[in-house]
Protein backbone atom coordinates (compact mmCIF):
# COMPACT_ATOMS: atom_id res chain seq x y z
CA MET A 1 -29.75 3.12 -11.66
CA THR A 2 -28.03 6.00 -9.95
CA TYR A 3 -24.85 5.48 -7.99
CA GLU A 4 -26.70 6.35 -4.77
CA GLU A 5 -29.23 3.55 -5.43
CA LEU A 6 -26.35 1.14 -6.08
CA ARG A 7 -24.60 2.24 -2.88
CA GLN A 8 -27.76 1.61 -0.87
CA ALA A 9 -28.25 -1.83 -2.45
CA LEU A 10 -24.63 -2.82 -1.79
CA SER A 11 -24.76 -1.48 1.77
CA ALA A 12 -27.86 -3.60 2.46
CA ALA A 13 -26.45 -6.81 0.90
CA ASP A 14 -25.70 -9.43 3.55
CA ASP A 15 -23.63 -11.76 1.38
CA LYS A 16 -20.86 -9.34 0.45
CA GLU A 17 -17.25 -9.02 1.44
CA CYS A 18 -15.73 -5.62 0.84
CA GLY A 19 -13.28 -3.10 2.09
CA VAL A 20 -13.99 -0.05 4.17
CA GLY A 21 -13.40 2.32 1.30
CA CYS A 22 -10.30 4.24 0.46
CA THR A 23 -9.18 7.83 0.78
CA PRO A 24 -9.19 10.40 -2.01
CA ASP A 25 -5.37 10.35 -1.76
CA GLU A 26 -5.35 6.60 -2.46
CA VAL A 27 -7.53 7.19 -5.52
CA THR A 28 -5.17 9.94 -6.72
CA GLU A 29 -2.13 7.69 -6.20
CA ALA A 30 -3.79 4.87 -8.18
CA GLU A 31 -4.77 7.21 -11.00
CA SER A 32 -1.21 8.53 -11.13
CA ALA A 33 0.25 5.01 -11.21
CA LEU A 34 -2.07 4.09 -14.09
CA GLY A 35 -1.96 7.42 -15.94
CA VAL A 36 -5.74 7.89 -15.95
CA SER A 37 -8.58 9.65 -14.17
CA PHE A 38 -11.24 7.24 -12.97
CA PRO A 39 -14.88 7.87 -13.91
CA ALA A 40 -16.97 9.49 -11.18
CA ASP A 41 -19.08 6.46 -10.19
CA TYR A 42 -16.06 4.15 -9.98
CA THR A 43 -14.28 6.74 -7.81
CA ARG A 44 -17.31 6.90 -5.51
CA PHE A 45 -17.39 3.08 -5.34
CA LEU A 46 -13.69 3.03 -4.37
CA GLU A 47 -14.20 5.64 -1.67
CA ASP A 48 -17.34 3.94 -0.31
CA PHE A 49 -16.39 0.24 -0.55
CA GLY A 50 -12.79 -0.06 -1.77
CA TRP A 51 -13.34 -3.45 -3.39
CA LEU A 52 -16.12 -6.02 -3.49
CA ALA A 53 -16.79 -9.75 -3.53
CA ILE A 54 -20.46 -10.70 -3.70
CA GLY A 55 -21.37 -14.21 -4.74
CA SER A 56 -19.02 -15.10 -7.58
CA THR A 57 -18.63 -11.44 -8.57
CA GLU A 58 -15.33 -9.83 -7.60
CA ILE A 59 -14.72 -6.13 -8.33
CA PHE A 60 -11.17 -4.79 -8.39
CA GLY A 61 -10.49 -1.89 -6.09
CA LEU A 62 -8.28 -0.23 -3.51
CA GLY A 63 -7.85 0.29 0.19
CA LYS A 64 -7.17 -1.54 3.39
CA GLY A 65 -7.47 -5.30 3.14
CA VAL A 66 -7.85 -5.50 -0.64
CA PRO A 67 -6.61 -8.95 -1.73
CA ASP A 68 -3.68 -8.73 -4.18
CA TYR A 69 -5.75 -10.37 -6.93
CA LEU A 70 -8.38 -7.63 -6.56
CA ASN A 71 -5.99 -4.67 -6.36
CA VAL A 72 -6.94 -2.51 -9.35
CA VAL A 73 -3.46 -1.04 -9.81
CA ARG A 74 -1.69 -4.39 -9.63
CA MET A 75 -4.22 -6.10 -11.91
CA THR A 76 -4.32 -3.28 -14.46
CA LEU A 77 -0.54 -3.17 -14.77
CA ALA A 78 -0.40 -6.97 -15.11
CA GLU A 79 -3.15 -6.99 -17.75
CA ARG A 80 -1.48 -4.19 -19.71
CA ARG A 81 1.74 -6.19 -19.71
CA ASP A 82 0.35 -9.70 -20.31
CA THR A 83 -2.86 -9.36 -22.35
CA GLN A 84 -2.87 -9.95 -26.09
CA PRO A 85 -4.12 -8.02 -27.88
CA THR A 86 -2.68 -5.27 -25.68
CA ILE A 87 -5.29 -3.54 -23.57
CA PRO A 88 -5.45 0.22 -24.29
CA SER A 89 -4.10 2.46 -21.53
CA GLN A 90 -7.43 4.29 -21.07
CA LEU A 91 -9.17 1.02 -20.05
CA VAL A 92 -8.94 0.00 -16.40
CA PRO A 93 -10.10 -3.55 -15.63
CA VAL A 94 -12.63 -3.80 -12.82
CA MET A 95 -13.64 -7.46 -13.21
CA ASN A 96 -12.32 -10.61 -14.84
CA ASP A 97 -15.06 -12.81 -16.32
CA GLY A 98 -13.09 -16.01 -15.72
CA GLY A 99 -12.87 -16.69 -19.45
CA GLY A 100 -10.02 -14.35 -20.30
CA ASN A 101 -12.15 -11.25 -20.86
CA LEU A 102 -12.13 -8.12 -18.74
CA TYR A 103 -14.86 -5.67 -17.83
CA CYS A 104 -13.22 -2.24 -17.81
CA VAL A 105 -14.07 1.36 -17.06
CA ASP A 106 -13.14 3.60 -19.96
CA CYS A 107 -11.24 6.49 -18.44
CA GLU A 108 -11.40 8.59 -21.62
CA ALA A 109 -15.14 8.24 -22.26
CA THR A 110 -17.30 11.30 -21.79
CA SER A 111 -19.70 9.19 -19.78
CA ASP A 112 -19.12 6.62 -17.04
CA GLU A 113 -18.83 3.80 -19.62
CA VAL A 114 -18.03 0.15 -18.97
CA VAL A 115 -16.68 -1.94 -21.85
CA ILE A 116 -15.50 -5.51 -22.31
CA TRP A 117 -11.92 -6.16 -23.37
CA ASP A 118 -12.43 -9.44 -25.21
CA HIS A 119 -9.26 -11.52 -25.50
CA THR A 120 -10.07 -12.35 -29.14
CA LYS A 121 -12.04 -9.33 -30.42
CA GLY A 122 -10.62 -6.40 -28.46
CA ARG A 123 -12.96 -3.66 -27.24
CA VAL A 124 -16.69 -4.43 -27.11
CA ALA A 125 -18.92 -1.53 -26.07
CA LEU A 126 -21.66 -2.24 -23.53
CA ARG A 127 -23.14 1.27 -23.60
CA THR A 128 -23.76 1.29 -19.87
CA GLY A 129 -22.35 3.16 -16.92
CA PHE A 130 -20.60 1.68 -13.90
CA ALA A 131 -23.60 1.85 -11.54
CA ASP A 132 -26.00 0.23 -14.03
CA TRP A 133 -23.43 -2.39 -15.01
CA LEU A 134 -22.59 -3.40 -11.42
CA ALA A 135 -26.27 -3.46 -10.45
CA SER A 136 -27.01 -5.82 -13.36
CA ILE A 137 -24.06 -8.07 -12.47
CA ILE A 138 -25.03 -8.49 -8.83
CA ALA A 139 -28.71 -8.98 -9.70
CA ALA A 140 -27.91 -11.90 -12.02
């Protein structure tokens, strides 16, 4: 799925709660605070929606009205500090699975890759991009 297809699907969803998007400056400030550059599709998601709650799925983000527990900067810094094994600095959590594992965007990958940071195994590759991953999560 392309990001544009995901954006259209999210825009049409009636059962979502989300922000109004964030500014490019807010993205730059978040990247600076975390020492990364976000992948393109996650950046577009942040600028279009900011953050997202749809059903039981909650995606970390930025912008006006983002709940503290969904603020990507706050959550990433907390996870880097508190998670064992230590989460690598190039991984930025975008969703907690409720079982101690984190879905993360890999900010050093050459593609828009999402991985799982498993609290017992470490990094588990999913081999999927942000748009495909989020589309599959909300379709489940």
